[in-house]
Amino acid sequence: MYTENFEDKILFNPARKDGQACNYLKIITAFTDVERISSHLIKLFDGRNKEYTTNIKVDIILGMTRGAGLTKKKHKKICSLIRRLNSVHGMPKVSCYYIVEGKQVHSKVYVWCRGNRAVEAYNGSANYTMNAFYVRRECMDSCDAKEANHYYNSLLADTMNCFDEQIKEKITFSSRKNVEDDIEETNLENLSWDHYQNIEAVDSIEISLLKADGSDTGYGSGVNWGIRKNGYKRNRNQAYIPYNTGDRKAGFFPEADADGTYPVFKVVTEDYDAFYMRQAQANGKALETPESNAIIGEWIRHRIGVPDGTYITKQMLENAGGTKVVFKKYADGIYTLEY
């Protein structure tokens, strides 16, 4: 029986190369939140060339989808996140299915498979949420993998993929949040630009979107990272914010871990919701969005008023109002990003 610190045991250890090397996780949960999904998959993605196996797939059955179980806002956030994650090469592929027929499902079951063979499973009280794994007292236990897998498969006939156009005919979305589904104010789902406009930041930094010499933007880097002169096909919105030496402020962003990996941090924008960012590349010279590098590219193109995929020049930025972005840091560890 596991009553605390069971996140690694349930969400990560079965996928370790030196363990069971499972590559398929099936989850049954009453509730979920986008921060739980995102943080889980990003960590598996980071470790794919180190401790975790590759080509991992995660399928979620969301059981409480009627009455007060699922708001339209949450539904949209789940779909948006899954699109982002599934657009990243090498990221574990994720799907989410809603219970739309029969009784609602309040079960919490995690089944790890190697290929199609169920290898390890857990059940208990912990939803696939941040609160369940970090805030509340929960109880989980190992269970028979074959039986757990059979139970998961038995529910599939009553589900519908969250992207199915007929979802709105099957579910009446709630106008209020279920008390069982409460999440922290600093969860990605709850972060609000307006909230942070009424709070004084503890620190701020201006960062240029140009090359280190300030000459221009350039191909294949910075805001044009996805646009290559050689015509190599990438999502043209892929981008990162260059974090050049001249712009750096020690300790402003989270420092690298002992293995050189930079921790993620949460960023709120005025018109593009909230998402994870972190330093990346050699010596942390880039600020990226690990859920998808296209997030920053889409955000800046929308801010300066050019179509998706447009090659951004210094002149475009100057015409739109400037060549720098501003990060503000708050006492709760959240950042805002503005252009």
Protein backbone atom coordinates (compact mmCIF):
# COMPACT_ATOMS: atom_id res chain seq x y z
CA MET A 1 0.00 0.00 0.00
CA TYR A 2 1.38 3.42 -1.01
CA THR A 3 0.19 6.44 0.97
CA GLU A 4 2.80 9.07 0.03
CA ASN A 5 5.53 9.82 -2.50
CA PHE A 6 4.10 7.37 -5.01
CA GLU A 7 4.42 9.50 -8.16
CA ASP A 8 7.63 7.83 -9.38
CA LYS A 9 6.31 4.39 -8.52
CA ILE A 10 3.14 4.81 -10.57
CA LEU A 11 3.90 7.33 -13.34
CA PHE A 12 7.60 6.84 -14.13
CA ASN A 13 9.38 3.75 -12.79
CA PRO A 14 7.58 1.18 -15.01
CA ALA A 15 8.93 3.01 -18.07
CA ARG A 16 12.55 2.90 -16.93
CA LYS A 17 14.95 1.13 -19.27
CA ASP A 18 16.53 -0.68 -16.35
CA GLY A 19 13.11 -1.77 -15.05
CA GLN A 20 10.06 -3.07 -16.90
CA ALA A 21 10.66 -0.82 -19.95
CA CYS A 22 6.92 -0.38 -20.40
CA ASN A 23 5.90 1.92 -23.25
CA TYR A 24 2.12 2.16 -22.95
CA LEU A 25 0.24 3.64 -20.00
CA LYS A 26 -3.54 3.30 -19.75
CA ILE A 27 -5.19 5.57 -17.18
CA ILE A 28 -8.72 5.54 -15.79
CA THR A 29 -9.40 8.66 -13.75
CA ALA A 30 -12.46 10.50 -12.50
CA PHE A 31 -10.79 13.90 -13.03
CA THR A 32 -7.61 15.32 -14.53
CA ASP A 33 -5.97 18.68 -15.18
CA VAL A 34 -3.68 19.95 -17.92
CA GLU A 35 -0.74 20.59 -15.61
CA ARG A 36 -0.72 16.94 -14.53
CA ILE A 37 -0.75 15.73 -18.14
CA SER A 38 1.85 18.22 -19.32
CA SER A 39 4.35 17.84 -16.47
CA HIS A 40 4.14 14.02 -16.68
CA LEU A 41 4.78 13.83 -20.41
CA ILE A 42 7.52 16.47 -20.40
CA LYS A 43 9.48 14.50 -17.79
CA LEU A 44 9.10 11.26 -19.77
CA PHE A 45 10.18 13.16 -22.89
CA ASP A 46 13.26 14.60 -21.15
CA GLY A 47 14.37 11.16 -20.06
CA ARG A 48 13.76 9.28 -23.29
CA ASN A 49 17.48 9.11 -24.13
CA LYS A 50 18.49 8.46 -20.52
CA GLU A 51 16.39 6.50 -18.08
CA TYR A 52 13.07 5.97 -19.90
CA THR A 53 12.16 3.89 -22.91
CA THR A 54 11.16 5.64 -26.15
CA ASN A 55 7.90 5.77 -28.13
CA ILE A 56 5.72 5.93 -25.04
CA LYS A 57 1.98 6.20 -25.45
CA VAL A 58 -0.45 7.44 -22.79
CA ASP A 59 -4.21 6.91 -23.13
CA ILE A 60 -6.60 8.46 -20.60
CA ILE A 61 -10.23 7.58 -19.89
CA LEU A 62 -11.89 10.52 -18.13
CA GLY A 63 -14.79 9.11 -16.15
CA MET A 64 -16.68 12.07 -14.62
CA THR A 65 -17.83 13.99 -17.67
CA ARG A 66 -21.47 14.77 -16.97
CA GLY A 67 -23.28 16.99 -14.52
CA ALA A 68 -20.65 19.12 -12.81
CA GLY A 69 -17.81 16.86 -13.92
CA LEU A 70 -16.46 18.65 -16.99
CA THR A 71 -16.62 22.32 -17.97
CA LYS A 72 -16.33 23.54 -21.54
CA LYS A 73 -13.23 25.51 -20.49
CA LYS A 74 -11.50 22.37 -19.22
CA HIS A 75 -12.49 20.44 -22.34
CA LYS A 76 -10.94 23.12 -24.57
CA LYS A 77 -7.76 23.21 -22.46
CA ILE A 78 -7.39 19.42 -22.63
CA CYS A 79 -7.79 19.43 -26.42
CA SER A 80 -5.39 22.36 -26.86
CA LEU A 81 -2.73 20.72 -24.71
CA ILE A 82 -2.98 17.37 -26.48
CA ARG A 83 -2.57 19.07 -29.87
CA ARG A 84 0.55 20.82 -28.60
CA LEU A 85 2.11 17.72 -27.07
CA ASN A 86 1.37 15.48 -30.04
CA SER A 87 3.02 17.98 -32.42
CA VAL A 88 6.44 17.48 -30.77
CA HIS A 89 8.69 14.83 -32.29
CA GLY A 90 9.67 12.26 -29.66
CA MET A 91 7.11 13.41 -27.08
CA PRO A 92 4.97 10.58 -25.70
CA LYS A 93 1.73 10.45 -27.67
CA VAL A 94 -1.37 11.11 -25.60
CA SER A 95 -5.08 10.55 -26.17
CA CYS A 96 -8.03 11.33 -23.95
CA TYR A 97 -11.39 9.57 -24.07
CA TYR A 98 -14.54 10.71 -22.27
CA ILE A 99 -17.14 8.37 -20.80
CA VAL A 100 -20.29 9.30 -22.73
CA GLU A 101 -22.50 6.20 -22.24
CA GLY A 102 -23.67 4.23 -19.21
CA LYS A 103 -22.74 5.03 -15.64
CA GLN A 104 -20.06 7.61 -14.92
CA VAL A 105 -16.72 6.21 -13.80
CA HIS A 106 -15.11 7.28 -10.53
CA SER A 107 -12.28 4.70 -10.64
CA LYS A 108 -8.56 5.51 -10.52
CA VAL A 109 -6.52 2.82 -12.27
CA TYR A 110 -3.07 2.97 -13.92
CA VAL A 111 -2.04 0.09 -16.22
CA TRP A 112 1.45 -0.11 -17.71
CA CYS A 113 1.95 -2.33 -20.75
CA ARG A 114 4.94 -3.44 -22.79
CA GLY A 115 3.45 -3.48 -26.22
CA ASN A 116 0.03 -5.07 -25.78
CA ARG A 117 0.94 -7.08 -22.68
CA ALA A 118 -0.15 -5.65 -19.33
CA VAL A 119 2.83 -5.76 -16.98
CA GLU A 120 2.17 -3.56 -13.95
CA ALA A 121 -0.94 -1.86 -12.53
CA TYR A 122 -2.10 0.27 -9.60
CA ASN A 123 -5.47 1.35 -8.27
CA GLY A 124 -6.77 3.38 -5.35
CA SER A 125 -7.96 6.91 -4.62
CA ALA A 126 -5.54 9.08 -6.61
CA ASN A 127 -6.95 10.84 -9.66
CA TYR A 128 -4.60 11.81 -12.48
CA THR A 129 -4.34 15.35 -11.04
CA MET A 130 -1.66 17.48 -9.44
CA ASN A 131 -3.60 17.66 -6.19
CA ALA A 132 -3.83 13.88 -5.90
CA PHE A 133 -0.08 13.44 -6.31
CA TYR A 134 1.13 16.46 -4.36
CA VAL A 135 -1.53 17.93 -2.06
CA ARG A 136 -4.02 15.39 -0.72
CA ARG A 137 -3.61 12.23 1.33
CA GLU A 138 -4.23 9.38 -1.08
CA CYS A 139 -3.87 5.62 -0.97
CA MET A 140 -2.73 3.47 -3.91
CA ASP A 141 -1.90 -0.20 -4.19
CA SER A 142 -0.57 -2.55 -6.83
CA CYS A 143 -3.15 -4.80 -8.46
CA ASP A 144 -3.41 -7.56 -11.03
CA ALA A 145 -2.25 -6.07 -14.34
CA LYS A 146 -4.33 -8.36 -16.56
CA GLU A 147 -7.53 -7.67 -14.62
CA ALA A 148 -6.85 -3.93 -14.60
CA ASN A 149 -6.23 -4.00 -18.34
CA HIS A 150 -9.46 -5.95 -18.88
CA TYR A 151 -11.36 -3.34 -16.86
CA TYR A 152 -9.84 -0.52 -18.92
CA ASN A 153 -10.73 -2.25 -22.19
CA SER A 154 -14.27 -2.92 -20.98
CA LEU A 155 -14.87 0.83 -20.64
CA LEU A 156 -13.73 1.77 -24.13
CA ALA A 157 -17.08 0.98 -25.76
CA ASP A 158 -18.66 3.71 -23.61
CA THR A 159 -16.10 6.37 -24.53
CA MET A 160 -15.56 8.95 -27.24
CA ASN A 161 -12.31 10.66 -28.20
CA CYS A 162 -12.18 14.22 -26.86
CA PHE A 163 -11.68 15.50 -30.41
CA ASP A 164 -14.79 13.80 -31.78
CA GLU A 165 -17.16 16.37 -33.29
CA GLN A 166 -20.13 14.57 -31.71
CA ILE A 167 -18.88 15.18 -28.15
CA LYS A 168 -21.16 18.19 -27.74
CA GLU A 169 -24.15 15.98 -28.56
CA LYS A 170 -23.15 13.44 -25.92
CA ILE A 171 -22.10 15.73 -23.06
CA THR A 172 -23.70 18.76 -21.49
CA PHE A 173 -20.74 20.75 -20.21
CA SER A 174 -20.99 22.12 -16.71
CA SER A 175 -21.11 25.87 -16.11
CA ARG A 176 -19.34 25.50 -12.77
CA LYS A 177 -16.38 23.60 -11.43
CA ASN A 178 -17.05 20.47 -9.42
CA VAL A 179 -15.84 20.69 -5.82
CA GLU A 180 -14.11 17.33 -6.33
CA ASP A 181 -12.18 18.83 -9.21
CA ASP A 182 -10.73 21.81 -7.33
CA ILE A 183 -7.19 22.70 -8.33
CA GLU A 184 -4.60 25.11 -6.98
CA GLU A 185 -4.73 28.75 -8.05
CA THR A 186 -1.21 28.35 -9.48
CA ASN A 187 -2.20 25.34 -11.61
CA LEU A 188 -1.81 26.04 -15.33
CA GLU A 189 -5.57 25.79 -15.73
CA ASN A 190 -6.26 28.62 -13.29
CA LEU A 191 -3.50 31.11 -14.05
CA SER A 192 -4.90 34.46 -15.15
CA TRP A 193 -3.20 37.47 -16.72
CA ASP A 194 -5.60 39.85 -14.99
CA HIS A 195 -4.72 38.41 -11.59
CA TYR A 196 -1.04 39.26 -11.99
CA GLN A 197 -1.75 42.78 -13.20
CA ASN A 198 -2.96 43.55 -9.67
CA ILE A 199 0.18 42.19 -7.98
CA GLU A 200 3.61 43.78 -7.78
CA ALA A 201 6.36 41.74 -9.41
CA VAL A 202 9.48 40.93 -7.38
CA ASP A 203 11.78 41.21 -10.41
CA SER A 204 11.71 41.76 -14.18
CA ILE A 205 13.97 41.43 -17.20
CA GLU A 206 13.97 42.63 -20.82
CA ILE A 207 15.18 40.17 -23.42
CA SER A 208 15.94 40.90 -27.07
CA LEU A 209 14.42 38.81 -29.85
CA LEU A 210 17.39 39.58 -32.10
CA LYS A 211 20.80 37.97 -32.57
CA ALA A 212 23.42 38.77 -29.94
CA ASP A 213 24.85 41.55 -32.13
CA GLY A 214 21.40 43.11 -32.56
CA SER A 215 21.62 43.04 -36.36
CA ASP A 216 18.46 41.09 -37.17
CA THR A 217 16.64 37.83 -36.40
CA GLY A 218 18.08 35.27 -38.82
CA TYR A 219 17.05 31.90 -40.23
CA GLY A 220 16.92 28.70 -38.20
CA SER A 221 17.21 30.38 -34.81
CA GLY A 222 15.26 32.52 -32.35
CA VAL A 223 11.80 33.52 -33.52
CA ASN A 224 12.52 31.91 -36.92
CA TRP A 225 13.86 28.62 -35.57
CA GLY A 226 11.39 26.61 -37.67
CA ILE A 227 12.26 28.39 -40.92
CA ARG A 228 15.37 27.01 -42.61
CA LYS A 229 17.18 28.41 -45.65
CA ASN A 230 17.78 24.91 -46.96
CA GLY A 231 14.03 24.29 -47.08
CA TYR A 232 14.10 21.58 -44.40
CA LYS A 233 10.49 20.99 -43.45
CA ARG A 234 9.52 22.05 -39.94
CA ASN A 235 6.54 23.78 -38.39
CA ARG A 236 7.33 27.37 -39.43
CA ASN A 237 5.94 28.67 -36.14
CA GLN A 238 8.59 26.84 -34.12
CA ALA A 239 10.64 29.37 -32.19
CA TYR A 240 12.49 30.17 -29.00
CA ILE A 241 13.46 33.39 -27.28
CA PRO A 242 17.24 33.89 -27.45
CA TYR A 243 18.75 34.38 -23.99
CA ASN A 244 22.00 36.04 -24.96
CA THR A 245 24.77 36.83 -22.47
CA GLY A 246 24.09 40.55 -22.53
CA ASP A 247 20.48 40.05 -21.42
CA ARG A 248 21.08 37.57 -18.63
CA LYS A 249 20.27 38.13 -14.97
CA ALA A 250 21.67 35.53 -12.59
CA GLY A 251 19.00 33.64 -10.65
CA PHE A 252 16.07 35.15 -12.52
CA PHE A 253 15.06 31.83 -14.07
CA PRO A 254 15.37 28.44 -12.28
CA GLU A 255 18.94 27.14 -12.24
CA ALA A 256 19.92 23.89 -13.98
CA ASP A 257 19.67 20.61 -12.09
CA ALA A 258 22.78 18.56 -11.30
CA ASP A 259 22.40 16.68 -14.60
CA GLY A 260 22.26 19.93 -16.57
CA THR A 261 18.50 19.84 -17.20
CA TYR A 262 16.73 23.14 -16.64
CA PRO A 263 13.47 22.98 -14.63
CA VAL A 264 10.26 24.19 -16.21
CA PHE A 265 8.50 27.30 -14.93
CA LYS A 266 5.00 28.64 -15.54
CA VAL A 267 4.40 31.68 -17.73
CA VAL A 268 1.19 33.67 -18.18
CA THR A 269 0.46 35.79 -21.25
CA GLU A 270 -2.34 38.23 -21.90
CA ASP A 271 -3.87 36.53 -24.89
CA TYR A 272 -2.33 33.07 -25.23
CA ASP A 273 -3.16 31.45 -21.92
CA ALA A 274 -0.49 29.96 -19.62
CA PHE A 275 2.19 27.42 -20.48
CA TYR A 276 5.50 25.96 -19.35
CA MET A 277 8.86 27.45 -20.35
CA ARG A 278 12.48 26.70 -19.49
CA GLN A 279 16.03 27.40 -20.55
CA ALA A 280 17.46 24.99 -23.08
CA GLN A 281 20.35 24.35 -25.50
CA ALA A 282 24.04 24.91 -24.69
CA ASN A 283 24.50 26.98 -21.54
CA GLY A 284 20.78 27.73 -21.45
CA LYS A 285 21.01 30.14 -24.40
CA ALA A 286 17.37 29.60 -25.42
CA LEU A 287 14.03 30.03 -23.66
CA GLU A 288 11.71 27.39 -25.05
CA THR A 289 8.22 26.01 -24.55
CA PRO A 290 8.70 22.23 -24.03
CA GLU A 291 5.04 21.40 -24.70
CA SER A 292 5.68 22.61 -28.26
CA ASN A 293 8.21 25.05 -29.70
CA ALA A 294 5.44 26.44 -31.87
CA ILE A 295 3.79 28.11 -28.86
CA ILE A 296 6.23 31.03 -28.68
CA GLY A 297 6.27 31.37 -32.46
CA GLU A 298 2.49 31.56 -32.65
CA TRP A 299 2.34 33.96 -29.71
CA ILE A 300 4.83 36.49 -31.11
CA ARG A 301 3.37 36.36 -34.63
CA HIS A 302 -0.10 37.05 -33.30
CA ARG A 303 1.25 39.89 -31.14
CA ILE A 304 2.94 41.65 -34.06
CA GLY A 305 0.02 40.97 -36.40
CA VAL A 306 1.51 38.70 -39.06
CA PRO A 307 0.20 35.33 -40.31
CA ASP A 308 1.36 32.02 -38.84
CA GLY A 309 4.63 30.85 -40.38
CA THR A 310 5.76 34.32 -41.47
CA TYR A 311 9.51 34.95 -41.48
CA ILE A 312 9.95 37.66 -38.84
CA THR A 313 12.45 40.46 -39.48
CA LYS A 314 13.87 43.14 -37.21
CA GLN A 315 11.88 45.70 -39.19
CA MET A 316 8.61 43.87 -38.50
CA LEU A 317 9.34 43.89 -34.79
CA GLU A 318 10.25 47.58 -34.80
CA ASN A 319 7.11 48.43 -36.74
CA ALA A 320 5.01 46.50 -34.21
CA GLY A 321 6.49 48.31 -31.22
CA GLY A 322 9.90 46.91 -30.34
CA THR A 323 12.45 44.11 -30.49
CA LYS A 324 12.24 43.02 -26.84
CA VAL A 325 9.96 41.03 -24.57
CA VAL A 326 9.55 41.50 -20.83
CA PHE A 327 9.41 38.74 -18.22
CA LYS A 328 8.14 39.60 -14.75
CA LYS A 329 8.65 37.30 -11.79
CA TYR A 330 6.22 37.02 -8.88
CA ALA A 331 6.57 35.86 -5.29
CA ASP A 332 4.61 32.65 -5.99
CA GLY A 333 7.16 31.57 -8.63
CA ILE A 334 4.94 32.44 -11.60
CA TYR A 335 6.18 34.60 -14.48
CA THR A 336 4.35 36.82 -16.95
CA LEU A 337 5.52 37.43 -20.50
CA GLU A 338 4.61 40.50 -22.52
CA TYR A 339 5.61 42.11 -25.78
